[in-house]
N, C-alpha and C. Protein backbone atom coordinates (compact mmCIF):
# COMPACT_ATOMS: atom_id res chain seq x y z
N MET A 1 0.82 -1.19 0.00
CA MET A 1 0.00 0.00 0.00
C MET A 1 0.86 1.26 0.00
N LEU A 2 1.95 1.21 0.77
CA LEU A 2 2.86 2.35 0.81
C LEU A 2 3.51 2.57 -0.54
N LYS A 3 3.83 1.49 -1.26
CA LYS A 3 4.42 1.62 -2.59
C LYS A 3 3.47 2.35 -3.53
N LEU A 4 2.18 2.02 -3.47
CA LEU A 4 1.18 2.65 -4.32
C LEU A 4 1.08 4.14 -3.99
N PHE A 5 1.08 4.47 -2.72
CA PHE A 5 1.02 5.87 -2.31
C PHE A 5 2.23 6.65 -2.80
N VAL A 6 3.42 6.08 -2.64
CA VAL A 6 4.65 6.75 -3.09
C VAL A 6 4.63 6.91 -4.60
N TRP A 7 4.17 5.85 -5.31
CA TRP A 7 4.10 5.93 -6.77
C TRP A 7 3.14 7.04 -7.20
N ALA A 8 1.96 7.12 -6.58
CA ALA A 8 0.97 8.14 -6.92
C ALA A 8 1.50 9.53 -6.60
N GLU A 9 2.16 9.67 -5.48
CA GLU A 9 2.72 10.96 -5.11
C GLU A 9 3.78 11.41 -6.11
N ASN A 10 4.65 10.49 -6.52
CA ASN A 10 5.68 10.82 -7.51
C ASN A 10 5.05 11.16 -8.86
N ALA A 11 4.01 10.42 -9.24
CA ALA A 11 3.34 10.67 -10.52
C ALA A 11 2.71 12.06 -10.52
N LEU A 12 2.04 12.41 -9.44
CA LEU A 12 1.42 13.74 -9.36
C LEU A 12 2.48 14.84 -9.32
N TYR A 13 3.59 14.61 -8.64
CA TYR A 13 4.67 15.59 -8.59
C TYR A 13 5.24 15.81 -9.99
N ASN A 14 5.49 14.71 -10.71
CA ASN A 14 6.03 14.82 -12.07
C ASN A 14 5.05 15.49 -13.01
N LEU A 15 3.77 15.20 -12.87
CA LEU A 15 2.76 15.82 -13.72
C LEU A 15 2.67 17.32 -13.46
N ARG A 16 2.73 17.70 -12.20
CA ARG A 16 2.64 19.12 -11.83
C ARG A 16 3.85 19.90 -12.32
N ASN A 17 5.02 19.29 -12.34
CA ASN A 17 6.24 19.98 -12.73
C ASN A 17 6.61 19.79 -14.19
N ASP A 18 5.77 19.09 -14.95
CA ASP A 18 6.04 18.86 -16.37
C ASP A 18 5.65 20.10 -17.16
N LEU A 19 6.60 20.70 -17.83
CA LEU A 19 6.34 21.92 -18.59
C LEU A 19 6.29 21.68 -20.09
N LYS A 20 6.28 20.43 -20.52
CA LYS A 20 6.19 20.12 -21.94
C LYS A 20 4.83 20.57 -22.46
N GLY A 21 4.83 21.21 -23.60
CA GLY A 21 3.57 21.64 -24.21
C GLY A 21 3.07 22.98 -23.74
N VAL A 22 3.73 23.59 -22.78
CA VAL A 22 3.26 24.88 -22.27
C VAL A 22 3.39 25.95 -23.34
N THR A 23 4.47 25.93 -24.09
CA THR A 23 4.68 26.93 -25.14
C THR A 23 3.61 26.80 -26.21
N SER A 24 3.28 25.58 -26.61
CA SER A 24 2.25 25.41 -27.64
C SER A 24 0.89 25.88 -27.12
N MET A 25 0.63 25.69 -25.84
CA MET A 25 -0.62 26.19 -25.27
C MET A 25 -0.65 27.72 -25.31
N GLU A 26 0.48 28.33 -25.02
CA GLU A 26 0.55 29.79 -25.06
C GLU A 26 0.31 30.29 -26.48
N TYR A 27 0.92 29.64 -27.45
CA TYR A 27 0.70 30.03 -28.85
C TYR A 27 -0.76 29.84 -29.25
N GLY A 28 -1.38 28.79 -28.75
CA GLY A 28 -2.80 28.57 -29.03
C GLY A 28 -3.67 29.68 -28.47
N ILE A 29 -3.36 30.11 -27.26
CA ILE A 29 -4.13 31.19 -26.64
C ILE A 29 -3.91 32.49 -27.40
N ILE A 30 -2.68 32.77 -27.80
CA ILE A 30 -2.39 33.98 -28.58
C ILE A 30 -3.12 33.93 -29.91
N GLY A 31 -3.11 32.77 -30.57
CA GLY A 31 -3.80 32.63 -31.85
C GLY A 31 -5.30 32.84 -31.72
N ALA A 32 -5.89 32.24 -30.70
CA ALA A 32 -7.34 32.40 -30.49
C ALA A 32 -7.70 33.85 -30.19
N THR A 33 -6.89 34.51 -29.40
CA THR A 33 -7.14 35.92 -29.09
C THR A 33 -7.04 36.77 -30.35
N THR A 34 -6.05 36.47 -31.19
CA THR A 34 -5.89 37.21 -32.44
C THR A 34 -7.10 37.03 -33.35
N VAL A 35 -7.61 35.82 -33.44
CA VAL A 35 -8.79 35.55 -34.27
C VAL A 35 -9.99 36.34 -33.76
N VAL A 36 -10.18 36.39 -32.46
CA VAL A 36 -11.31 37.13 -31.89
C VAL A 36 -11.17 38.63 -32.17
N VAL A 37 -9.98 39.17 -32.00
CA VAL A 37 -9.77 40.61 -32.22
C VAL A 37 -9.96 40.96 -33.69
N VAL A 38 -9.35 40.18 -34.59
CA VAL A 38 -9.48 40.46 -36.02
C VAL A 38 -10.94 40.31 -36.45
N GLY A 39 -11.63 39.30 -35.95
CA GLY A 39 -13.04 39.13 -36.27
C GLY A 39 -13.88 40.31 -35.82
N GLY A 40 -13.59 40.83 -34.64
CA GLY A 40 -14.32 42.00 -34.15
C GLY A 40 -14.06 43.24 -34.98
N VAL A 41 -12.81 43.43 -35.40
CA VAL A 41 -12.48 44.59 -36.22
C VAL A 41 -13.16 44.49 -37.58
N VAL A 42 -13.10 43.31 -38.20
CA VAL A 42 -13.72 43.14 -39.51
C VAL A 42 -15.23 43.31 -39.42
N ALA A 43 -15.84 42.77 -38.38
CA ALA A 43 -17.28 42.93 -38.21
C ALA A 43 -17.65 44.40 -37.99
N GLY A 44 -16.80 45.11 -37.28
CA GLY A 44 -17.05 46.53 -37.03
C GLY A 44 -16.89 47.39 -38.27
N LEU A 45 -16.04 46.96 -39.20
CA LEU A 45 -15.82 47.73 -40.43
C LEU A 45 -16.80 47.38 -41.54
N GLY A 46 -17.57 46.32 -41.38
CA GLY A 46 -18.46 45.86 -42.43
C GLY A 46 -19.47 46.90 -42.88
N THR A 47 -20.20 47.48 -41.96
CA THR A 47 -21.24 48.45 -42.30
C THR A 47 -20.67 49.75 -42.87
N PRO A 48 -19.64 50.34 -42.27
CA PRO A 48 -19.08 51.56 -42.87
C PRO A 48 -18.53 51.34 -44.28
N LEU A 49 -17.87 50.21 -44.50
CA LEU A 49 -17.34 49.94 -45.84
C LEU A 49 -18.47 49.74 -46.84
N ASN A 50 -19.53 49.08 -46.43
CA ASN A 50 -20.68 48.89 -47.30
C ASN A 50 -21.29 50.24 -47.67
N THR A 51 -21.38 51.14 -46.71
CA THR A 51 -21.92 52.47 -46.97
C THR A 51 -21.04 53.24 -47.96
N ILE A 52 -19.74 53.14 -47.79
CA ILE A 52 -18.81 53.84 -48.70
C ILE A 52 -18.97 53.32 -50.12
N TRP A 53 -19.00 51.99 -50.29
CA TRP A 53 -19.13 51.42 -51.64
C TRP A 53 -20.49 51.75 -52.26
N THR A 54 -21.53 51.82 -51.45
CA THR A 54 -22.86 52.20 -51.96
C THR A 54 -22.84 53.64 -52.43
N ASN A 55 -22.20 54.52 -51.69
CA ASN A 55 -22.09 55.93 -52.10
C ASN A 55 -21.30 56.07 -53.39
N ILE A 56 -20.24 55.30 -53.53
CA ILE A 56 -19.44 55.35 -54.76
C ILE A 56 -20.28 54.87 -55.93
N GLN A 57 -21.02 53.78 -55.75
CA GLN A 57 -21.85 53.24 -56.82
C GLN A 57 -22.92 54.25 -57.22
N THR A 58 -23.53 54.88 -56.24
CA THR A 58 -24.57 55.87 -56.53
C THR A 58 -24.00 57.06 -57.30
N ALA A 59 -22.82 57.51 -56.89
CA ALA A 59 -22.18 58.64 -57.57
C ALA A 59 -21.81 58.29 -59.01
N LEU A 60 -21.29 57.08 -59.21
CA LEU A 60 -20.92 56.67 -60.57
C LEU A 60 -22.15 56.48 -61.45
N THR A 61 -23.21 55.95 -60.89
CA THR A 61 -24.44 55.77 -61.66
C THR A 61 -25.02 57.13 -62.06
N ALA A 62 -24.99 58.09 -61.13
CA ALA A 62 -25.50 59.44 -61.42
C ALA A 62 -24.63 60.13 -62.47
N ALA A 63 -23.32 59.94 -62.41
CA ALA A 63 -22.40 60.57 -63.37
C ALA A 63 -22.55 59.96 -64.76
N ALA A 64 -22.83 58.67 -64.83
CA ALA A 64 -22.96 58.00 -66.12
C ALA A 64 -24.31 58.28 -66.77
N GLY A 65 -25.32 58.59 -65.98
CA GLY A 65 -26.68 58.76 -66.52
C GLY A 65 -27.01 60.13 -66.76
């Protein structure tokens, strides 16, 4: 029973101090944050850009007619 306890304690200690994969997790978090920010910016620019292109189209149609 003591061997099992010591083995479990060592396993948990090694798991807690294992830093493998931490960098990839950080890159994943940075990537996800970037996607959210870029998505928000693009969504925020959608309506103003649509208005600008509509105004240009209206002006060109009026100039041609």
